[in-house]
Amino acid sequence: MNDQDPEERLAKHKSVAAWLEYQLQQEIRIIAALEREVAEHERRKKVAHRELRFVVERSWTEETPDAMHRGNCRKNRSGGELIEGQEAALIMRDRSDHIIACATCNPLPALKAVYLTPHTPDEGA
């Protein structure tokens, strides 16, 4: 049978339970830390996504030109749709008479780095 008396077995099981509870608390702390890490990673991904995009802020009148902003510009009040660099560069090239670059976030250096294929007129193929 069992060599230990009931008090010894009880003490043994209590110590195992205490150790298991300690391990459980350790795992709960690790899980909480990892959840914070995942949330921070997702936040950084969203910020990076926004920073690599551009936004056209539409003006309210025909006399006032539209404004091109970087995706994370705080001066942009329209909260418009985020667009890729190539599309933004095309808009700046094709609508240069009715769009300006934001003086605060200055998207022009980033847009100048975007490679655009040469503009060829449609030959009416």
Protein backbone atom coordinates (compact mmCIF):
# COMPACT_ATOMS: atom_id res chain seq x y z
CA MET A 1 0.00 0.00 0.00
CA ASN A 2 1.00 3.51 0.79
CA ASP A 3 4.03 4.08 3.04
CA GLN A 4 2.99 7.60 4.04
CA ASP A 5 0.43 8.54 6.59
CA PRO A 6 -2.45 10.85 5.61
CA GLU A 7 -0.78 14.00 7.00
CA GLU A 8 2.31 13.49 4.84
CA ARG A 9 0.22 12.82 1.74
CA LEU A 10 -1.87 15.93 2.46
CA ALA A 11 1.28 18.05 2.86
CA LYS A 12 2.70 16.63 -0.38
CA HIS A 13 -0.46 17.40 -2.36
CA LYS A 14 -0.69 20.90 -0.87
CA SER A 15 2.86 21.66 -1.94
CA VAL A 16 2.12 20.36 -5.47
CA ALA A 17 -1.00 22.54 -5.57
CA ALA A 18 0.97 25.58 -4.39
CA TRP A 19 3.62 24.96 -7.06
CA LEU A 20 0.95 24.55 -9.74
CA GLU A 21 -0.71 27.79 -8.62
CA TYR A 22 2.64 29.57 -8.80
CA GLN A 23 3.20 28.22 -12.32
CA LEU A 24 -0.32 29.30 -13.34
CA GLN A 25 0.33 32.87 -12.11
CA GLN A 26 3.60 32.92 -14.05
CA GLU A 27 1.79 31.84 -17.23
CA ILE A 28 -0.94 34.44 -16.70
CA ARG A 29 1.75 37.17 -16.43
CA ILE A 30 3.51 35.90 -19.56
CA ILE A 31 0.23 35.79 -21.51
CA ALA A 32 -0.63 39.35 -20.43
CA ALA A 33 2.82 40.58 -21.52
CA LEU A 34 2.51 38.82 -24.88
CA GLU A 35 -0.98 40.27 -25.43
CA ARG A 36 0.42 43.77 -24.82
CA GLU A 37 3.26 43.01 -27.24
CA VAL A 38 0.82 41.84 -29.93
CA ALA A 39 -1.35 44.94 -29.46
CA GLU A 40 1.71 47.21 -29.75
CA HIS A 41 2.84 45.35 -32.88
CA GLU A 42 -0.59 45.83 -34.48
CA ARG A 43 -0.59 49.53 -33.54
CA ARG A 44 2.85 49.98 -35.11
CA LYS A 45 1.75 48.19 -38.28
CA LYS A 46 -1.22 50.55 -38.60
CA VAL A 47 0.99 53.59 -38.05
CA ALA A 48 3.54 52.36 -40.61
CA HIS A 49 0.76 51.66 -43.11
CA ARG A 50 -0.56 55.20 -42.67
CA GLU A 51 2.88 56.79 -42.87
CA LEU A 52 3.61 55.17 -46.22
CA ARG A 53 0.35 56.42 -47.79
CA PHE A 54 -0.98 59.79 -48.88
CA VAL A 55 -4.29 61.64 -48.67
CA VAL A 56 -5.85 64.26 -50.94
CA GLU A 57 -7.74 66.85 -48.92
CA ARG A 58 -10.49 68.17 -51.15
CA SER A 59 -11.19 71.89 -51.01
CA TRP A 60 -14.64 73.34 -50.59
CA THR A 61 -14.35 75.82 -53.45
CA GLU A 62 -13.08 75.78 -57.02
CA GLU A 63 -10.72 78.70 -56.29
CA THR A 64 -8.93 76.92 -53.47
CA PRO A 65 -6.63 74.09 -54.58
CA ASP A 66 -6.80 70.62 -53.07
CA ALA A 67 -3.94 69.63 -50.75
CA MET A 68 -1.80 66.50 -50.78
CA HIS A 69 -0.82 65.21 -47.32
CA ARG A 70 1.15 62.29 -46.00
CA GLY A 71 -1.15 59.71 -44.47
CA ASN A 72 -0.24 60.64 -40.91
CA CYS A 73 -0.41 64.44 -41.27
CA ARG A 74 -2.30 66.01 -38.37
CA LYS A 75 -3.17 69.05 -40.46
CA ASN A 76 -5.40 66.95 -42.72
CA ARG A 77 -8.91 67.50 -41.43
CA SER A 78 -10.74 65.61 -44.16
CA GLY A 79 -9.61 62.14 -43.11
CA GLY A 80 -9.81 61.13 -46.77
CA GLU A 81 -8.98 57.79 -48.30
CA LEU A 82 -5.39 56.60 -48.08
CA ILE A 83 -3.73 56.18 -51.47
CA GLU A 84 -0.48 54.54 -52.56
CA GLY A 85 2.60 56.55 -53.53
CA GLN A 86 2.27 55.90 -57.27
CA GLU A 87 -1.32 57.10 -57.36
CA ALA A 88 -0.43 60.18 -55.30
CA ALA A 89 2.50 60.98 -57.62
CA LEU A 90 0.21 60.66 -60.65
CA ILE A 91 -2.32 63.01 -59.06
CA MET A 92 0.40 65.56 -58.30
CA ARG A 93 1.72 65.29 -61.87
CA ASP A 94 -1.63 65.36 -63.69
CA ARG A 95 -3.39 67.93 -61.50
CA SER A 96 -0.43 70.17 -60.73
CA ASP A 97 -2.49 73.28 -61.49
CA HIS A 98 -5.17 72.49 -58.87
CA ILE A 99 -3.34 70.68 -56.08
CA ILE A 100 -0.67 71.81 -53.63
CA ALA A 101 1.59 69.96 -51.21
CA CYS A 102 0.97 70.43 -47.51
CA ALA A 103 3.60 72.72 -46.01
CA THR A 104 3.49 70.89 -42.69
CA CYS A 105 4.09 67.26 -43.72
CA ASN A 106 5.79 68.04 -47.08
CA PRO A 107 4.93 64.93 -49.14
CA LEU A 108 6.96 66.03 -52.19
CA PRO A 109 10.29 64.37 -51.28
CA ALA A 110 8.54 61.03 -50.80
CA LEU A 111 6.59 61.45 -54.03
CA LYS A 112 9.71 62.36 -56.03
CA ALA A 113 11.18 59.00 -55.03
CA VAL A 114 8.23 57.17 -56.63
CA TYR A 115 9.04 55.77 -60.07
CA LEU A 116 6.44 56.64 -62.68
CA THR A 117 6.40 55.22 -66.18
CA PRO A 118 6.74 57.94 -68.82
CA HIS A 119 3.44 59.51 -69.82
CA THR A 120 2.59 58.43 -73.37
CA PRO A 121 -0.50 59.79 -75.04
CA ASP A 122 -3.06 57.33 -76.32
CA GLU A 123 -2.49 56.84 -80.06
CA GLY A 124 -6.08 55.73 -80.62
CA ALA A 125 -5.10 52.14 -81.29
